[in-house]
């Protein structure tokens, strides 16, 4: 199966999210912001970005690679 440019973009997005999920550079950091450690803020930010990315993915690319015709499956809006 030939991959389209859009597939590679989504692969890169999810690879980056996976790579940045663990705050490697912040291990051992004792800095706090509003009473929470900075590594926790990092985790919150990554989870928000992941949520937005997954939301966009489900709306536009969920059927990628499943041989589903988007015209056949229409969402009730």
PDB file of N, CA and C in Angstrom:
ATOM      1  N   UNK A   1       0.841  -1.168   0.000  1.00  0.00           N
ATOM      2  CA  UNK A   1       0.000   0.000   0.000  1.00  0.00           C
ATOM      3  C   UNK A   1       0.893   1.241   0.000  1.00  0.00           C
ATOM      4  N   UNK A   2       0.563   2.153  -0.847  1.00  0.00           N
ATOM      5  CA  UNK A   2       1.333   3.389  -0.972  1.00  0.00           C
ATOM      6  C   UNK A   2       0.836   4.406   0.062  1.00  0.00           C
ATOM      7  N   UNK A   3       1.752   4.920   0.842  1.00  0.00           N
ATOM      8  CA  UNK A   3       1.378   5.900   1.868  1.00  0.00           C
ATOM      9  C   UNK A   3       1.341   7.296   1.273  1.00  0.00           C
ATOM     10  N   UNK A   4       0.393   8.063   1.734  1.00  0.00           N
ATOM     11  CA  UNK A   4       0.282   9.443   1.300  1.00  0.00           C
ATOM     12  C   UNK A   4       1.039  10.339   2.263  1.00  0.00           C
ATOM     13  N   UNK A   5       1.292  11.559   1.839  1.00  0.00           N
ATOM     14  CA  UNK A   5       2.009  12.536   2.661  1.00  0.00           C
ATOM     15  C   UNK A   5       1.293  12.756   3.995  1.00  0.00           C
ATOM     16  N   UNK A   6      -0.024  12.737   3.963  1.00  0.00           N
ATOM     17  CA  UNK A   6      -0.824  12.942   5.169  1.00  0.00           C
ATOM     18  C   UNK A   6      -0.555  11.853   6.210  1.00  0.00           C
ATOM     19  N   UNK A   7      -0.370  10.622   5.745  1.00  0.00           N
ATOM     20  CA  UNK A   7      -0.062   9.527   6.668  1.00  0.00           C
ATOM     21  C   UNK A   7       1.265   9.768   7.385  1.00  0.00           C
ATOM     22  N   UNK A   8       2.262  10.206   6.642  1.00  0.00           N
ATOM     23  CA  UNK A   8       3.568  10.455   7.240  1.00  0.00           C
ATOM     24  C   UNK A   8       3.523  11.608   8.235  1.00  0.00           C
ATOM     25  N   UNK A   9       2.680  12.589   7.969  1.00  0.00           N
ATOM     26  CA  UNK A   9       2.541  13.706   8.908  1.00  0.00           C
ATOM     27  C   UNK A   9       1.962  13.201  10.227  1.00  0.00           C
ATOM     28  N   UNK A  10       0.918  12.356  10.155  1.00  0.00           N
ATOM     29  CA  UNK A  10       0.332  11.830  11.387  1.00  0.00           C
ATOM     30  C   UNK A  10       1.295  10.910  12.125  1.00  0.00           C
ATOM     31  N   UNK A  11       2.057  10.133  11.400  1.00  0.00           N
ATOM     32  CA  UNK A  11       3.067   9.285  12.037  1.00  0.00           C
ATOM     33  C   UNK A  11       4.074  10.154  12.790  1.00  0.00           C
ATOM     34  N   UNK A  12       4.508  11.240  12.169  1.00  0.00           N
ATOM     35  CA  UNK A  12       5.461  12.155  12.809  1.00  0.00           C
ATOM     36  C   UNK A  12       4.845  12.830  14.033  1.00  0.00           C
ATOM     37  N   UNK A  13       3.591  13.257  13.935  1.00  0.00           N
ATOM     38  CA  UNK A  13       2.923  13.911  15.070  1.00  0.00           C
ATOM     39  C   UNK A  13       2.876  12.971  16.268  1.00  0.00           C
ATOM     40  N   UNK A  14       2.434  11.746  16.046  1.00  0.00           N
ATOM     41  CA  UNK A  14       2.325  10.814  17.167  1.00  0.00           C
ATOM     42  C   UNK A  14       3.686  10.345  17.674  1.00  0.00           C
ATOM     43  N   UNK A  15       4.679  10.282  16.811  1.00  0.00           N
ATOM     44  CA  UNK A  15       6.037   9.950  17.264  1.00  0.00           C
ATOM     45  C   UNK A  15       6.585  11.068  18.155  1.00  0.00           C
ATOM     46  N   UNK A  16       6.348  12.315  17.762  1.00  0.00           N
ATOM     47  CA  UNK A  16       6.808  13.448  18.578  1.00  0.00           C
ATOM     48  C   UNK A  16       6.083  13.485  19.923  1.00  0.00           C
ATOM     49  N   UNK A  17       4.790  13.247  19.903  1.00  0.00           N
ATOM     50  CA  UNK A  17       4.048  13.229  21.167  1.00  0.00           C
ATOM     51  C   UNK A  17       4.557  12.133  22.090  1.00  0.00           C
ATOM     52  N   UNK A  18       4.855  10.994  21.522  1.00  0.00           N
ATOM     53  CA  UNK A  18       5.389   9.894  22.323  1.00  0.00           C
ATOM     54  C   UNK A  18       6.775  10.241  22.864  1.00  0.00           C
ATOM     55  N   UNK A  19       7.600  10.848  22.023  1.00  0.00           N
ATOM     56  CA  UNK A  19       8.951  11.209  22.439  1.00  0.00           C
ATOM     57  C   UNK A  19       8.989  12.278  23.521  1.00  0.00           C
ATOM     58  N   UNK A  20       8.044  13.216  23.465  1.00  0.00           N
ATOM     59  CA  UNK A  20       8.022  14.296  24.446  1.00  0.00           C
ATOM     60  C   UNK A  20       7.135  13.998  25.650  1.00  0.00           C
ATOM     61  N   UNK A  21       6.545  12.820  25.706  1.00  0.00           N
ATOM     62  CA  UNK A  21       5.658  12.474  26.819  1.00  0.00           C
ATOM     63  C   UNK A  21       6.419  12.408  28.145  1.00  0.00           C
ATOM     64  N   UNK A  22       7.660  12.024  28.104  1.00  0.00           N
ATOM     65  CA  UNK A  22       8.480  11.954  29.324  1.00  0.00           C
ATOM     66  C   UNK A  22       9.430  13.153  29.321  1.00  0.00           C
ATOM     67  N   UNK A  23       9.381  13.988  30.344  1.00  0.00           N
ATOM     68  CA  UNK A  23      10.230  15.184  30.382  1.00  0.00           C
ATOM     69  C   UNK A  23      11.672  14.854  30.789  1.00  0.00           C
ATOM     70  N   UNK A  24      12.401  14.255  29.866  1.00  0.00           N
ATOM     71  CA  UNK A  24      13.771  13.815  30.152  1.00  0.00           C
ATOM     72  C   UNK A  24      14.642  14.948  30.699  1.00  0.00           C
ATOM     73  N   UNK A  25      14.535  16.125  30.123  1.00  0.00           N
ATOM     74  CA  UNK A  25      15.394  17.246  30.527  1.00  0.00           C
ATOM     75  C   UNK A  25      15.024  17.798  31.901  1.00  0.00           C
ATOM     76  N   UNK A  26      13.853  17.465  32.405  1.00  0.00           N
ATOM     77  CA  UNK A  26      13.401  18.027  33.682  1.00  0.00           C
ATOM     78  C   UNK A  26      13.583  17.079  34.859  1.00  0.00           C
ATOM     79  N   UNK A  27      14.170  15.922  34.631  1.00  0.00           N
ATOM     80  CA  UNK A  27      14.399  14.997  35.740  1.00  0.00           C
ATOM     81  C   UNK A  27      15.346  15.637  36.737  1.00  0.00           C
ATOM     82  N   UNK A  28      14.960  15.634  37.969  1.00  0.00           N
ATOM     83  CA  UNK A  28      15.784  16.203  39.022  1.00  0.00           C
ATOM     84  C   UNK A  28      15.571  17.691  39.219  1.00  0.00           C
ATOM     85  N   UNK A  29      14.730  18.315  38.391  1.00  0.00           N
ATOM     86  CA  UNK A  29      14.466  19.746  38.534  1.00  0.00           C
ATOM     87  C   UNK A  29      13.538  19.970  39.725  1.00  0.00           C
ATOM     88  N   UNK A  30      13.869  20.949  40.538  1.00  0.00           N
ATOM     89  CA  UNK A  30      13.060  21.218  41.729  1.00  0.00           C
ATOM     90  C   UNK A  30      12.240  22.501  41.590  1.00  0.00           C
ATOM     91  N   UNK A  31      12.202  23.080  40.400  1.00  0.00           N
ATOM     92  CA  UNK A  31      11.457  24.309  40.168  1.00  0.00           C
ATOM     93  C   UNK A  31       9.958  24.051  40.274  1.00  0.00           C
ATOM     94  N   UNK A  32       9.260  24.982  40.926  1.00  0.00           N
ATOM     95  CA  UNK A  32       7.809  24.879  41.020  1.00  0.00           C
ATOM     96  C   UNK A  32       7.161  26.136  40.455  1.00  0.00           C
ATOM     97  N   UNK A  33       5.991  25.940  39.865  1.00  0.00           N
ATOM     98  CA  UNK A  33       5.199  27.054  39.351  1.00  0.00           C
ATOM     99  C   UNK A  33       3.793  26.869  39.904  1.00  0.00           C
ATOM    100  N   UNK A  34       3.304  27.882  40.593  1.00  0.00           N
ATOM    101  CA  UNK A  34       1.993  27.841  41.242  1.00  0.00           C
ATOM    102  C   UNK A  34       1.867  26.591  42.121  1.00  0.00           C
ATOM    103  N   UNK A  35       2.930  26.252  42.781  1.00  0.00           N
ATOM    104  CA  UNK A  35       2.909  25.159  43.738  1.00  0.00           C
ATOM    105  C   UNK A  35       3.074  23.757  43.164  1.00  0.00           C
ATOM    106  N   UNK A  36       3.159  23.633  41.846  1.00  0.00           N
ATOM    107  CA  UNK A  36       3.340  22.322  41.234  1.00  0.00           C
ATOM    108  C   UNK A  36       4.718  22.241  40.583  1.00  0.00           C
ATOM    109  N   UNK A  37       5.339  21.069  40.616  1.00  0.00           N
ATOM    110  CA  UNK A  37       6.648  20.913  39.990  1.00  0.00           C
ATOM    111  C   UNK A  37       6.559  21.148  38.478  1.00  0.00           C
ATOM    112  N   UNK A  38       7.625  21.651  37.915  1.00  0.00           N
ATOM    113  CA  UNK A  38       7.634  21.988  36.490  1.00  0.00           C
ATOM    114  C   UNK A  38       7.417  20.763  35.608  1.00  0.00           C
ATOM    115  N   UNK A  39       7.875  19.594  36.057  1.00  0.00           N
ATOM    116  CA  UNK A  39       7.671  18.392  35.249  1.00  0.00           C
ATOM    117  C   UNK A  39       6.195  18.037  35.156  1.00  0.00           C
ATOM    118  N   UNK A  40       5.409  18.393  36.172  1.00  0.00           N
ATOM    119  CA  UNK A  40       3.971  18.138  36.129  1.00  0.00           C
ATOM    120  C   UNK A  40       3.287  19.080  35.137  1.00  0.00           C
ATOM    121  N   UNK A  41       3.731  20.333  35.079  1.00  0.00           N
ATOM    122  CA  UNK A  41       3.212  21.265  34.077  1.00  0.00           C
ATOM    123  C   UNK A  41       3.547  20.775  32.670  1.00  0.00           C
ATOM    124  N   UNK A  42       4.749  20.222  32.518  1.00  0.00           N
ATOM    125  CA  UNK A  42       5.141  19.644  31.225  1.00  0.00           C
ATOM    126  C   UNK A  42       4.151  18.539  30.836  1.00  0.00           C
ATOM    127  N   UNK A  43       3.848  17.671  31.775  1.00  0.00           N
ATOM    128  CA  UNK A  43       2.933  16.565  31.520  1.00  0.00           C
ATOM    129  C   UNK A  43       1.532  17.082  31.162  1.00  0.00           C
ATOM    130  N   UNK A  44       1.072  18.083  31.868  1.00  0.00           N
ATOM    131  CA  UNK A  44      -0.239  18.670  31.580  1.00  0.00           C
ATOM    132  C   UNK A  44      -0.262  19.246  30.168  1.00  0.00           C
ATOM    133  N   UNK A  45       0.788  19.963  29.789  1.00  0.00           N
ATOM    134  CA  UNK A  45       0.858  20.553  28.446  1.00  0.00           C
ATOM    135  C   UNK A  45       0.884  19.477  27.362  1.00  0.00           C
ATOM    136  N   UNK A  46       1.668  18.438  27.570  1.00  0.00           N
ATOM    137  CA  UNK A  46       1.739  17.359  26.575  1.00  0.00           C
ATOM    138  C   UNK A  46       0.389  16.659  26.448  1.00  0.00           C
ATOM    139  N   UNK A  47      -0.299  16.450  27.553  1.00  0.00           N
ATOM    140  CA  UNK A  47      -1.609  15.801  27.505  1.00  0.00           C
ATOM    141  C   UNK A  47      -2.643  16.678  26.791  1.00  0.00           C
ATOM    142  N   UNK A  48      -2.578  17.992  26.982  1.00  0.00           N
ATOM    143  CA  UNK A  48      -3.480  18.892  26.256  1.00  0.00           C
ATOM    144  C   UNK A  48      -3.198  18.857  24.759  1.00  0.00           C
ATOM    145  N   UNK A  49      -1.926  18.902  24.397  1.00  0.00           N
ATOM    146  CA  UNK A  49      -1.551  18.837  22.982  1.00  0.00           C
ATOM    147  C   UNK A  49      -1.965  17.491  22.385  1.00  0.00           C
ATOM    148  N   UNK A  50      -1.777  16.424  23.128  1.00  0.00           N
ATOM    149  CA  UNK A  50      -2.175  15.097  22.652  1.00  0.00           C
ATOM    150  C   UNK A  50      -3.692  15.019  22.465  1.00  0.00           C
ATOM    151  N   UNK A  51      -4.437  15.608  23.372  1.00  0.00           N
ATOM    152  CA  UNK A  51      -5.898  15.600  23.254  1.00  0.00           C
ATOM    153  C   UNK A  51      -6.357  16.343  22.010  1.00  0.00           C
ATOM    154  N   UNK A  52      -5.792  17.504  21.773  1.00  0.00           N
ATOM    155  CA  UNK A  52      -6.153  18.283  20.580  1.00  0.00           C
ATOM    156  C   UNK A  52      -5.745  17.521  19.322  1.00  0.00           C
ATOM    157  N   UNK A  53      -4.558  16.957  19.315  1.00  0.00           N
ATOM    158  CA  UNK A  53      -4.084  16.200  18.150  1.00  0.00           C
ATOM    159  C   UNK A  53      -4.984  15.006  17.869  1.00  0.00           C
ATOM    160  N   UNK A  54      -5.354  14.281  18.909  1.00  0.00           N
ATOM    161  CA  UNK A  54      -6.201  13.119  18.706  1.00  0.00           C
ATOM    162  C   UNK A  54      -7.590  13.522  18.231  1.00  0.00           C
ATOM    163  N   UNK A  55      -8.083  14.637  18.732  1.00  0.00           N
ATOM    164  CA  UNK A  55      -9.379  15.140  18.283  1.00  0.00           C
ATOM    165  C   UNK A  55      -9.348  15.469  16.791  1.00  0.00           C
ATOM    166  N   UNK A  56      -8.308  16.138  16.347  1.00  0.00           N
ATOM    167  CA  UNK A  56      -8.150  16.458  14.923  1.00  0.00           C
ATOM    168  C   UNK A  56      -7.994  15.177  14.109  1.00  0.00           C
ATOM    169  N   UNK A  57      -7.228  14.244  14.634  1.00  0.00           N
ATOM    170  CA  UNK A  57      -7.025  12.968  13.946  1.00  0.00           C
ATOM    171  C   UNK A  57      -8.344  12.218  13.754  1.00  0.00           C
ATOM    172  N   UNK A  58      -9.168  12.168  14.792  1.00  0.00           N
ATOM    173  CA  UNK A  58     -10.424  11.424  14.684  1.00  0.00           C
ATOM    174  C   UNK A  58     -11.398  12.076  13.717  1.00  0.00           C
ATOM    175  N   UNK A  59     -11.316  13.387  13.553  1.00  0.00           N
ATOM    176  CA  UNK A  59     -12.223  14.076  12.637  1.00  0.00           C
ATOM    177  C   UNK A  59     -11.793  13.962  11.182  1.00  0.00           C
ATOM    178  N   UNK A  60     -10.497  13.827  10.931  1.00  0.00           N
ATOM    179  CA  UNK A  60     -10.057  13.875   9.548  1.00  0.00           C
ATOM    180  C   UNK A  60      -9.287  12.683   9.026  1.00  0.00           C
ATOM    181  N   UNK A  61      -8.714  11.876   9.903  1.00  0.00           N
ATOM    182  CA  UNK A  61      -7.832  10.819   9.409  1.00  0.00           C
ATOM    183  C   UNK A  61      -8.082   9.471  10.070  1.00  0.00           C
ATOM    184  N   UNK A  62      -9.156   9.334  10.801  1.00  0.00           N
ATOM    185  CA  UNK A  62      -9.414   8.103  11.533  1.00  0.00           C
ATOM    186  C   UNK A  62      -9.510   6.892  10.609  1.00  0.00           C
ATOM    187  N   UNK A  63     -10.082   7.088   9.435  1.00  0.00           N
ATOM    188  CA  UNK A  63     -10.295   5.982   8.514  1.00  0.00           C
ATOM    189  C   UNK A  63      -9.099   5.700   7.607  1.00  0.00           C
ATOM    190  N   UNK A  64      -7.977   6.326   7.852  1.00  0.00           N
ATOM    191  CA  UNK A  64      -6.783   6.122   7.032  1.00  0.00           C
ATOM    192  C   UNK A  64      -6.343   4.669   7.115  1.00  0.00           C
ATOM    193  N   UNK A  65      -6.108   4.060   5.974  1.00  0.00           N
ATOM    194  CA  UNK A  65      -5.610   2.702   5.940  1.00  0.00           C
ATOM    195  C   UNK A  65      -6.655   1.627   6.174  1.00  0.00           C
ATOM    196  N   UNK A  66      -7.919   2.018   6.314  1.00  0.00           N
ATOM    197  CA  UNK A  66      -8.975   1.033   6.543  1.00  0.00           C
ATOM    198  C   UNK A  66      -9.820   0.783   5.299  1.00  0.00           C
ATOM    199  N   UNK A  67      -9.476   1.405   4.198  1.00  0.00           N
ATOM    200  CA  UNK A  67     -10.201   1.257   2.937  1.00  0.00           C
ATOM    201  C   UNK A  67     -11.676   1.611   3.082  1.00  0.00           C
ATOM    202  N   UNK A  68     -11.953   2.669   3.844  1.00  0.00           N
ATOM    203  CA  UNK A  68     -13.320   3.135   4.027  1.00  0.00           C
ATOM    204  C   UNK A  68     -13.518   4.388   3.185  1.00  0.00           C
ATOM    205  N   UNK A  69     -14.593   4.409   2.438  1.00  0.00           N
ATOM    206  CA  UNK A  69     -14.912   5.580   1.632  1.00  0.00           C
ATOM    207  C   UNK A  69     -15.625   6.596   2.527  1.00  0.00           C
ATOM    208  N   UNK A  70     -15.044   7.785   2.726  1.00  0.00           N
ATOM    209  CA  UNK A  70     -15.657   8.774   3.613  1.00  0.00           C
ATOM    210  C   UNK A  70     -17.052   9.201   3.161  1.00  0.00           C
ATOM    211  N   UNK A  71     -17.345   9.083   1.865  1.00  0.00           N
ATOM    212  CA  UNK A  71     -18.661   9.462   1.369  1.00  0.00           C
ATOM    213  C   UNK A  71     -19.735   8.455   1.779  1.00  0.00           C
ATOM    214  N   UNK A  72     -19.340   7.200   1.967  1.00  0.00           N
ATOM    215  CA  UNK A  72     -20.299   6.175   2.374  1.00  0.00           C
ATOM    216  C   UNK A  72     -20.694   6.311   3.827  1.00  0.00           C
ATOM    217  N   UNK A  73     -19.743   6.712   4.659  1.00  0.00           N
ATOM    218  CA  UNK A  73     -19.984   6.832   6.090  1.00  0.00           C
ATOM    219  C   UNK A  73     -20.066   8.316   6.430  1.00  0.00           C
ATOM    220  N   UNK A  74     -21.263   8.809   6.554  1.00  0.00           N
ATOM    221  CA  UNK A  74     -21.459  10.223   6.873  1.00  0.00           C
ATOM    222  C   UNK A  74     -21.944  10.352   8.301  1.00  0.00           C
ATOM    223  N   UNK A  75     -21.330  11.282   9.020  1.00  0.00           N
ATOM    224  CA  UNK A  75     -21.728  11.533  10.401  1.00  0.00           C
ATOM    225  C   UNK A  75     -23.006  12.365  10.427  1.00  0.00           C
ATOM    226  N   UNK A  76     -23.837  12.111  11.401  1.00  0.00           N
ATOM    227  CA  UNK A  76     -25.043  12.912  11.554  1.00  0.00           C
ATOM    228  C   UNK A  76     -24.677  14.213  12.240  1.00  0.00           C
ATOM    229  N   UNK A  77     -24.755  15.295  11.488  1.00  0.00           N
ATOM    230  CA  UNK A  77     -24.400  16.609  12.045  1.00  0.00           C
ATOM    231  C   UNK A  77     -25.621  17.372  12.449  1.00  0.00           C
TER     232      UNK A  77
END
